[in-house]
Amino acid sequence: MSDQKTISFRMDVSKVEMLDAIAAETKRDRTFLLNEAVETWLDLNEYQNRLVAAGMKDAQEGRYVDNAEMRKRLARLRKRSRTA
C-alpha cells in the first residue's frame, strides 16, 4: 500500500504556466514542485505556530513589554539613530 494520495485542485492558468516554466527549467515535473511547495509551506506554518504558542505562553506568564514602555524604547532608538 502506498503512503501517497492523489488530490486535485484548481489553480489560475497563469500560475500553472509559471509552474510549467519552472518545471521545464529545473527538469522536474509539476508533482515534484508542488510537493516541495506544500512541504515548505507546512514547515513554515508549523514554525509560525510554535512562535505564536511561545509568545502566548510568555504573555500569560507576564513576560512582555506593555505599549507605553514600547513607545519609550522606540523613542530612545529613534533619538539615537538621529544622532548617530
PDB file of N, CA and C in Angstrom:
ATOM      1  N   MET A   1       0.830  -1.189   0.000  1.00  0.00           N
ATOM      2  CA  MET A   1       0.000   0.000   0.000  1.00  0.00           C
ATOM      3  C   MET A   1       0.874   1.252   0.000  1.00  0.00           C
ATOM      4  N   SER A   2       0.522   2.236  -0.800  1.00  0.00           N
ATOM      5  CA  SER A   2       1.283   3.470  -0.927  1.00  0.00           C
ATOM      6  C   SER A   2       0.913   4.446   0.179  1.00  0.00           C
ATOM      7  N   ASP A   3       1.896   5.251   0.583  1.00  0.00           N
ATOM      8  CA  ASP A   3       1.636   6.267   1.599  1.00  0.00           C
ATOM      9  C   ASP A   3       1.350   7.623   0.962  1.00  0.00           C
ATOM     10  N   GLN A   4       0.989   7.600  -0.295  1.00  0.00           N
ATOM     11  CA  GLN A   4       0.648   8.824  -1.010  1.00  0.00           C
ATOM     12  C   GLN A   4      -0.810   8.780  -1.431  1.00  0.00           C
ATOM     13  N   LYS A   5      -1.379   9.970  -1.621  1.00  0.00           N
ATOM     14  CA  LYS A   5      -2.769  10.075  -2.053  1.00  0.00           C
ATOM     15  C   LYS A   5      -2.847  11.120  -3.155  1.00  0.00           C
ATOM     16  N   THR A   6      -3.573  10.838  -4.185  1.00  0.00           N
ATOM     17  CA  THR A   6      -3.773  11.783  -5.278  1.00  0.00           C
ATOM     18  C   THR A   6      -4.855  12.776  -4.884  1.00  0.00           C
ATOM     19  N   ILE A   7      -4.563  14.059  -5.095  1.00  0.00           N
ATOM     20  CA  ILE A   7      -5.547  15.110  -4.852  1.00  0.00           C
ATOM     21  C   ILE A   7      -5.674  15.957  -6.106  1.00  0.00           C
ATOM     22  N   SER A   8      -6.705  16.762  -6.156  1.00  0.00           N
ATOM     23  CA  SER A   8      -6.953  17.630  -7.307  1.00  0.00           C
ATOM     24  C   SER A   8      -7.417  18.982  -6.794  1.00  0.00           C
ATOM     25  N   PHE A   9      -6.969  20.054  -7.437  1.00  0.00           N
ATOM     26  CA  PHE A   9      -7.441  21.390  -7.069  1.00  0.00           C
ATOM     27  C   PHE A   9      -7.313  22.327  -8.251  1.00  0.00           C
ATOM     28  N   ARG A  10      -8.014  23.439  -8.171  1.00  0.00           N
ATOM     29  CA  ARG A  10      -7.992  24.433  -9.251  1.00  0.00           C
ATOM     30  C   ARG A  10      -6.911  25.466  -8.980  1.00  0.00           C
ATOM     31  N   MET A  11      -6.328  25.955 -10.086  1.00  0.00           N
ATOM     32  CA  MET A  11      -5.283  26.961  -9.988  1.00  0.00           C
ATOM     33  C   MET A  11      -5.407  27.895 -11.185  1.00  0.00           C
ATOM     34  N   ASP A  12      -5.114  29.164 -10.967  1.00  0.00           N
ATOM     35  CA  ASP A  12      -5.137  30.125 -12.075  1.00  0.00           C
ATOM     36  C   ASP A  12      -4.213  29.655 -13.198  1.00  0.00           C
ATOM     37  N   VAL A  13      -4.658  29.866 -14.422  1.00  0.00           N
ATOM     38  CA  VAL A  13      -3.897  29.439 -15.588  1.00  0.00           C
ATOM     39  C   VAL A  13      -2.495  30.059 -15.576  1.00  0.00           C
ATOM     40  N   SER A  14      -2.390  31.327 -15.194  1.00  0.00           N
ATOM     41  CA  SER A  14      -1.080  31.989 -15.187  1.00  0.00           C
ATOM     42  C   SER A  14      -0.120  31.306 -14.215  1.00  0.00           C
ATOM     43  N   LYS A  15      -0.640  30.830 -13.091  1.00  0.00           N
ATOM     44  CA  LYS A  15       0.221  30.137 -12.123  1.00  0.00           C
ATOM     45  C   LYS A  15       0.644  28.774 -12.652  1.00  0.00           C
ATOM     46  N   VAL A  16      -0.255  28.091 -13.341  1.00  0.00           N
ATOM     47  CA  VAL A  16       0.097  26.801 -13.941  1.00  0.00           C
ATOM     48  C   VAL A  16       1.189  27.012 -14.983  1.00  0.00           C
ATOM     49  N   GLU A  17       1.076  28.068 -15.770  1.00  0.00           N
ATOM     50  CA  GLU A  17       2.089  28.358 -16.781  1.00  0.00           C
ATOM     51  C   GLU A  17       3.437  28.653 -16.126  1.00  0.00           C
ATOM     52  N   MET A  18       3.419  29.406 -15.036  1.00  0.00           N
ATOM     53  CA  MET A  18       4.662  29.689 -14.310  1.00  0.00           C
ATOM     54  C   MET A  18       5.256  28.403 -13.745  1.00  0.00           C
ATOM     55  N   LEU A  19       4.399  27.568 -13.190  1.00  0.00           N
ATOM     56  CA  LEU A  19       4.836  26.285 -12.643  1.00  0.00           C
ATOM     57  C   LEU A  19       5.457  25.419 -13.736  1.00  0.00           C
ATOM     58  N   ASP A  20       4.815  25.375 -14.883  1.00  0.00           N
ATOM     59  CA  ASP A  20       5.342  24.586 -16.003  1.00  0.00           C
ATOM     60  C   ASP A  20       6.686  25.127 -16.478  1.00  0.00           C
ATOM     61  N   ALA A  21       6.849  26.439 -16.480  1.00  0.00           N
ATOM     62  CA  ALA A  21       8.122  27.037 -16.891  1.00  0.00           C
ATOM     63  C   ALA A  21       9.229  26.646 -15.913  1.00  0.00           C
ATOM     64  N   ILE A  22       8.926  26.707 -14.625  1.00  0.00           N
ATOM     65  CA  ILE A  22       9.919  26.313 -13.619  1.00  0.00           C
ATOM     66  C   ILE A  22      10.239  24.826 -13.755  1.00  0.00           C
ATOM     67  N   ALA A  23       9.225  24.031 -13.987  1.00  0.00           N
ATOM     68  CA  ALA A  23       9.434  22.592 -14.164  1.00  0.00           C
ATOM     69  C   ALA A  23      10.364  22.320 -15.341  1.00  0.00           C
ATOM     70  N   ALA A  24      10.138  23.023 -16.433  1.00  0.00           N
ATOM     71  CA  ALA A  24      10.989  22.839 -17.613  1.00  0.00           C
ATOM     72  C   ALA A  24      12.428  23.286 -17.329  1.00  0.00           C
ATOM     73  N   GLU A  25      12.574  24.428 -16.661  1.00  0.00           N
ATOM     74  CA  GLU A  25      13.915  24.945 -16.344  1.00  0.00           C
ATOM     75  C   GLU A  25      14.684  24.006 -15.418  1.00  0.00           C
ATOM     76  N   THR A  26      13.995  23.405 -14.482  1.00  0.00           N
ATOM     77  CA  THR A  26      14.650  22.565 -13.480  1.00  0.00           C
ATOM     78  C   THR A  26      14.619  21.078 -13.827  1.00  0.00           C
ATOM     79  N   LYS A  27      13.973  20.770 -14.955  1.00  0.00           N
ATOM     80  CA  LYS A  27      13.827  19.376 -15.390  1.00  0.00           C
ATOM     81  C   LYS A  27      13.139  18.533 -14.311  1.00  0.00           C
ATOM     82  N   ARG A  28      12.135  19.122 -13.683  1.00  0.00           N
ATOM     83  CA  ARG A  28      11.300  18.437 -12.685  1.00  0.00           C
ATOM     84  C   ARG A  28       9.864  18.472 -13.185  1.00  0.00           C
ATOM     85  N   ASP A  29       9.026  17.628 -12.622  1.00  0.00           N
ATOM     86  CA  ASP A  29       7.623  17.676 -13.020  1.00  0.00           C
ATOM     87  C   ASP A  29       6.809  18.485 -12.018  1.00  0.00           C
ATOM     88  N   ARG A  30       5.570  18.775 -12.408  1.00  0.00           N
ATOM     89  CA  ARG A  30       4.681  19.560 -11.548  1.00  0.00           C
ATOM     90  C   ARG A  30       4.535  18.925 -10.165  1.00  0.00           C
ATOM     91  N   THR A  31       4.376  17.628 -10.147  1.00  0.00           N
ATOM     92  CA  THR A  31       4.158  16.935  -8.879  1.00  0.00           C
ATOM     93  C   THR A  31       5.311  17.178  -7.920  1.00  0.00           C
ATOM     94  N   PHE A  32       6.529  17.076  -8.418  1.00  0.00           N
ATOM     95  CA  PHE A  32       7.694  17.317  -7.568  1.00  0.00           C
ATOM     96  C   PHE A  32       7.658  18.734  -7.010  1.00  0.00           C
ATOM     97  N   LEU A  33       7.428  19.711  -7.890  1.00  0.00           N
ATOM     98  CA  LEU A  33       7.429  21.108  -7.456  1.00  0.00           C
ATOM     99  C   LEU A  33       6.298  21.403  -6.476  1.00  0.00           C
ATOM    100  N   LEU A  34       5.128  20.868  -6.740  1.00  0.00           N
ATOM    101  CA  LEU A  34       4.001  21.087  -5.831  1.00  0.00           C
ATOM    102  C   LEU A  34       4.244  20.430  -4.481  1.00  0.00           C
ATOM    103  N   ASN A  35       4.825  19.232  -4.480  1.00  0.00           N
ATOM    104  CA  ASN A  35       5.153  18.587  -3.212  1.00  0.00           C
ATOM    105  C   ASN A  35       6.173  19.396  -2.430  1.00  0.00           C
ATOM    106  N   GLU A  36       7.174  19.927  -3.105  1.00  0.00           N
ATOM    107  CA  GLU A  36       8.168  20.774  -2.442  1.00  0.00           C
ATOM    108  C   GLU A  36       7.518  22.035  -1.865  1.00  0.00           C
ATOM    109  N   ALA A  37       6.637  22.644  -2.640  1.00  0.00           N
ATOM    110  CA  ALA A  37       5.970  23.866  -2.176  1.00  0.00           C
ATOM    111  C   ALA A  37       5.085  23.589  -0.960  1.00  0.00           C
ATOM    112  N   VAL A  38       4.326  22.513  -1.002  1.00  0.00           N
ATOM    113  CA  VAL A  38       3.447  22.181   0.123  1.00  0.00           C
ATOM    114  C   VAL A  38       4.280  21.841   1.352  1.00  0.00           C
ATOM    115  N   GLU A  39       5.341  21.071   1.183  1.00  0.00           N
ATOM    116  CA  GLU A  39       6.195  20.718   2.321  1.00  0.00           C
ATOM    117  C   GLU A  39       6.812  21.974   2.956  1.00  0.00           C
ATOM    118  N   THR A  40       7.284  22.883   2.117  1.00  0.00           N
ATOM    119  CA  THR A  40       7.865  24.131   2.624  1.00  0.00           C
ATOM    120  C   THR A  40       6.818  24.945   3.368  1.00  0.00           C
ATOM    121  N   TRP A  41       5.605  25.050   2.811  1.00  0.00           N
ATOM    122  CA  TRP A  41       4.545  25.808   3.469  1.00  0.00           C
ATOM    123  C   TRP A  41       4.173  25.179   4.801  1.00  0.00           C
ATOM    124  N   LEU A  42       4.054  23.854   4.835  1.00  0.00           N
ATOM    125  CA  LEU A  42       3.693  23.171   6.074  1.00  0.00           C
ATOM    126  C   LEU A  42       4.770  23.374   7.143  1.00  0.00           C
ATOM    127  N   ASP A  43       6.037  23.294   6.752  1.00  0.00           N
ATOM    128  CA  ASP A  43       7.133  23.534   7.699  1.00  0.00           C
ATOM    129  C   ASP A  43       7.077  24.955   8.241  1.00  0.00           C
ATOM    130  N   LEU A  44       6.868  25.924   7.354  1.00  0.00           N
ATOM    131  CA  LEU A  44       6.794  27.322   7.767  1.00  0.00           C
ATOM    132  C   LEU A  44       5.601  27.556   8.690  1.00  0.00           C
ATOM    133  N   ASN A  45       4.470  26.967   8.355  1.00  0.00           N
ATOM    134  CA  ASN A  45       3.283  27.110   9.183  1.00  0.00           C
ATOM    135  C   ASN A  45       3.506  26.521  10.573  1.00  0.00           C
ATOM    136  N   GLU A  46       4.143  25.369  10.636  1.00  0.00           N
ATOM    137  CA  GLU A  46       4.443  24.735  11.929  1.00  0.00           C
ATOM    138  C   GLU A  46       5.374  25.625  12.758  1.00  0.00           C
ATOM    139  N   TYR A  47       6.387  26.185  12.116  1.00  0.00           N
ATOM    140  CA  TYR A  47       7.330  27.089  12.787  1.00  0.00           C
ATOM    141  C   TYR A  47       6.600  28.321  13.336  1.00  0.00           C
ATOM    142  N   GLN A  48       5.748  28.925  12.519  1.00  0.00           N
ATOM    143  CA  GLN A  48       4.995  30.100  12.965  1.00  0.00           C
ATOM    144  C   GLN A  48       4.076  29.755  14.132  1.00  0.00           C
ATOM    145  N   ASN A  49       3.442  28.594  14.081  1.00  0.00           N
ATOM    146  CA  ASN A  49       2.577  28.171  15.184  1.00  0.00           C
ATOM    147  C   ASN A  49       3.363  28.007  16.475  1.00  0.00           C
ATOM    148  N   ARG A  50       4.587  27.470  16.380  1.00  0.00           N
ATOM    149  CA  ARG A  50       5.420  27.338  17.583  1.00  0.00           C
ATOM    150  C   ARG A  50       5.788  28.709  18.140  1.00  0.00           C
ATOM    151  N   LEU A  51       6.107  29.662  17.263  1.00  0.00           N
ATOM    152  CA  LEU A  51       6.434  31.011  17.721  1.00  0.00           C
ATOM    153  C   LEU A  51       5.238  31.675  18.402  1.00  0.00           C
ATOM    154  N   VAL A  52       4.060  31.520  17.824  1.00  0.00           N
ATOM    155  CA  VAL A  52       2.857  32.096  18.424  1.00  0.00           C
ATOM    156  C   VAL A  52       2.591  31.455  19.783  1.00  0.00           C
ATOM    157  N   ALA A  53       2.710  30.140  19.872  1.00  0.00           N
ATOM    158  CA  ALA A  53       2.478  29.453  21.147  1.00  0.00           C
ATOM    159  C   ALA A  53       3.474  29.919  22.203  1.00  0.00           C
ATOM    160  N   ALA A  54       4.740  30.082  21.824  1.00  0.00           N
ATOM    161  CA  ALA A  54       5.754  30.561  22.764  1.00  0.00           C
ATOM    162  C   ALA A  54       5.442  31.981  23.205  1.00  0.00           C
ATOM    163  N   GLY A  55       5.011  32.826  22.276  1.00  0.00           N
ATOM    164  CA  GLY A  55       4.642  34.197  22.616  1.00  0.00           C
ATOM    165  C   GLY A  55       3.437  34.255  23.535  1.00  0.00           C
ATOM    166  N   MET A  56       2.464  33.412  23.282  1.00  0.00           N
ATOM    167  CA  MET A  56       1.279  33.366  24.145  1.00  0.00           C
ATOM    168  C   MET A  56       1.656  32.910  25.551  1.00  0.00           C
ATOM    169  N   LYS A  57       2.537  31.926  25.629  1.00  0.00           N
ATOM    170  CA  LYS A  57       2.979  31.442  26.942  1.00  0.00           C
ATOM    171  C   LYS A  57       3.705  32.554  27.689  1.00  0.00           C
ATOM    172  N   ASP A  58       4.600  33.261  26.990  1.00  0.00           N
ATOM    173  CA  ASP A  58       5.309  34.385  27.616  1.00  0.00           C
ATOM    174  C   ASP A  58       4.327  35.429  28.120  1.00  0.00           C
ATOM    175  N   ALA A  59       3.340  35.766  27.314  1.00  0.00           N
ATOM    176  CA  ALA A  59       2.352  36.777  27.707  1.00  0.00           C
ATOM    177  C   ALA A  59       1.553  36.319  28.923  1.00  0.00           C
ATOM    178  N   GLN A  60       1.150  35.057  28.927  1.00  0.00           N
ATOM    179  CA  GLN A  60       0.383  34.529  30.065  1.00  0.00           C
ATOM    180  C   GLN A  60       1.210  34.531  31.350  1.00  0.00           C
ATOM    181  N   GLU A  61       2.534  34.417  31.203  1.00  0.00           N
ATOM    182  CA  GLU A  61       3.420  34.413  32.362  1.00  0.00           C
ATOM    183  C   GLU A  61       3.946  35.815  32.680  1.00  0.00           C
ATOM    184  N   GLY A  62       3.402  36.814  31.990  1.00  0.00           N
ATOM    185  CA  GLY A  62       3.751  38.198  32.283  1.00  0.00           C
ATOM    186  C   GLY A  62       5.048  38.680  31.668  1.00  0.00           C
ATOM    187  N   ARG A  63       5.602  37.930  30.737  1.00  0.00           N
ATOM    188  CA  ARG A  63       6.858  38.339  30.079  1.00  0.00           C
ATOM    189  C   ARG A  63       6.538  39.047  28.764  1.00  0.00           C
ATOM    190  N   TYR A  64       6.274  40.324  28.872  1.00  0.00           N
ATOM    191  CA  TYR A  64       6.014  41.137  27.692  1.00  0.00           C
ATOM    192  C   TYR A  64       6.274  42.595  28.045  1.00  0.00           C
ATOM    193  N   VAL A  65       6.341  43.424  27.027  1.00  0.00           N
ATOM    194  CA  VAL A  65       6.532  44.864  27.211  1.00  0.00           C
ATOM    195  C   VAL A  65       5.215  45.528  26.866  1.00  0.00           C
ATOM    196  N   ASP A  66       4.683  46.336  27.797  1.00  0.00           N
ATOM    197  CA  ASP A  66       3.407  46.989  27.517  1.00  0.00           C
ATOM    198  C   ASP A  66       3.603  48.139  26.526  1.00  0.00           C
ATOM    199  N   ASN A  67       2.500  48.641  26.026  1.00  0.00           N
ATOM    200  CA  ASN A  67       2.517  49.645  24.968  1.00  0.00           C
ATOM    201  C   ASN A  67       3.286  50.906  25.365  1.00  0.00           C
ATOM    202  N   ALA A  68       3.067  51.404  26.557  1.00  0.00           N
ATOM    203  CA  ALA A  68       3.740  52.633  26.992  1.00  0.00           C
ATOM    204  C   ALA A  68       5.251  52.445  27.032  1.00  0.00           C
ATOM    205  N   GLU A  69       5.694  51.325  27.569  1.00  0.00           N
ATOM    206  CA  GLU A  69       7.138  51.053  27.637  1.00  0.00           C
ATOM    207  C   GLU A  69       7.726  50.897  26.237  1.00  0.00           C
ATOM    208  N   MET A  70       7.004  50.237  25.352  1.00  0.00           N
ATOM    209  CA  MET A  70       7.497  50.065  23.980  1.00  0.00           C
ATOM    210  C   MET A  70       7.635  51.414  23.284  1.00  0.00           C
ATOM    211  N   ARG A  71       6.690  52.317  23.495  1.00  0.00           N
ATOM    212  CA  ARG A  71       6.783  53.657  22.900  1.00  0.00           C
ATOM    213  C   ARG A  71       8.032  54.377  23.400  1.00  0.00           C
ATOM    214  N   LYS A  72       8.334  54.258  24.695  1.00  0.00           N
ATOM    215  CA  LYS A  72       9.544  54.883  25.250  1.00  0.00           C
ATOM    216  C   LYS A  72      10.794  54.306  24.603  1.00  0.00           C
ATOM    217  N   ARG A  73      10.834  52.990  24.488  1.00  0.00           N
ATOM    218  CA  ARG A  73      12.008  52.341  23.891  1.00  0.00           C
ATOM    219  C   ARG A  73      12.196  52.754  22.436  1.00  0.00           C
ATOM    220  N   LEU A  74      11.097  52.815  21.687  1.00  0.00           N
ATOM    221  CA  LEU A  74      11.191  53.232  20.289  1.00  0.00           C
ATOM    222  C   LEU A  74      11.649  54.680  20.168  1.00  0.00           C
ATOM    223  N   ALA A  75      11.153  55.534  21.050  1.00  0.00           N
ATOM    224  CA  ALA A  75      11.571  56.939  21.029  1.00  0.00           C
ATOM    225  C   ALA A  75      13.064  57.055  21.281  1.00  0.00           C
ATOM    226  N   ARG A  76      13.594  56.278  22.242  1.00  0.00           N
ATOM    227  CA  ARG A  76      15.040  56.307  22.515  1.00  0.00           C
ATOM    228  C   ARG A  76      15.822  55.821  21.303  1.00  0.00           C
ATOM    229  N   LEU A  77      15.339  54.772  20.660  1.00  0.00           N
ATOM    230  CA  LEU A  77      16.031  54.252  19.478  1.00  0.00           C
ATOM    231  C   LEU A  77      16.032  55.272  18.343  1.00  0.00           C
ATOM    232  N   ARG A  78      14.910  55.940  18.153  1.00  0.00           N
ATOM    233  CA  ARG A  78      14.834  56.958  17.095  1.00  0.00           C
ATOM    234  C   ARG A  78      15.799  58.100  17.395  1.00  0.00           C
ATOM    235  N   LYS A  79      15.834  58.497  18.651  1.00  0.00           N
ATOM    236  CA  LYS A  79      16.729  59.581  19.055  1.00  0.00           C
ATOM    237  C   LYS A  79      18.185  59.200  18.788  1.00  0.00           C
ATOM    238  N   ARG A  80      18.558  57.974  19.158  1.00  0.00           N
ATOM    239  CA  ARG A  80      19.922  57.502  18.924  1.00  0.00           C
ATOM    240  C   ARG A  80      20.255  57.450  17.442  1.00  0.00           C
ATOM    241  N   SER A  81      19.315  57.017  16.612  1.00  0.00           N
ATOM    242  CA  SER A  81      19.595  56.893  15.196  1.00  0.00           C
ATOM    243  C   SER A  81      19.761  58.262  14.538  1.00  0.00           C
ATOM    244  N   ARG A  82      19.108  59.280  15.062  1.00  0.00           N
ATOM    245  CA  ARG A  82      19.258  60.634  14.522  1.00  0.00           C
ATOM    246  C   ARG A  82      20.610  61.242  14.872  1.00  0.00           C
ATOM    247  N   THR A  83      21.137  60.868  16.039  1.00  0.00           N
ATOM    248  CA  THR A  83      22.400  61.448  16.484  1.00  0.00           C
ATOM    249  C   THR A  83      23.592  60.636  15.991  1.00  0.00           C
ATOM    250  N   ALA A  84      23.371  59.468  15.459  1.00  0.00           N
ATOM    251  CA  ALA A  84      24.480  58.617  15.013  1.00  0.00           C
ATOM    252  C   ALA A  84      24.997  59.008  13.661  1.00  0.00           C
TER     253      ALA A  84
END
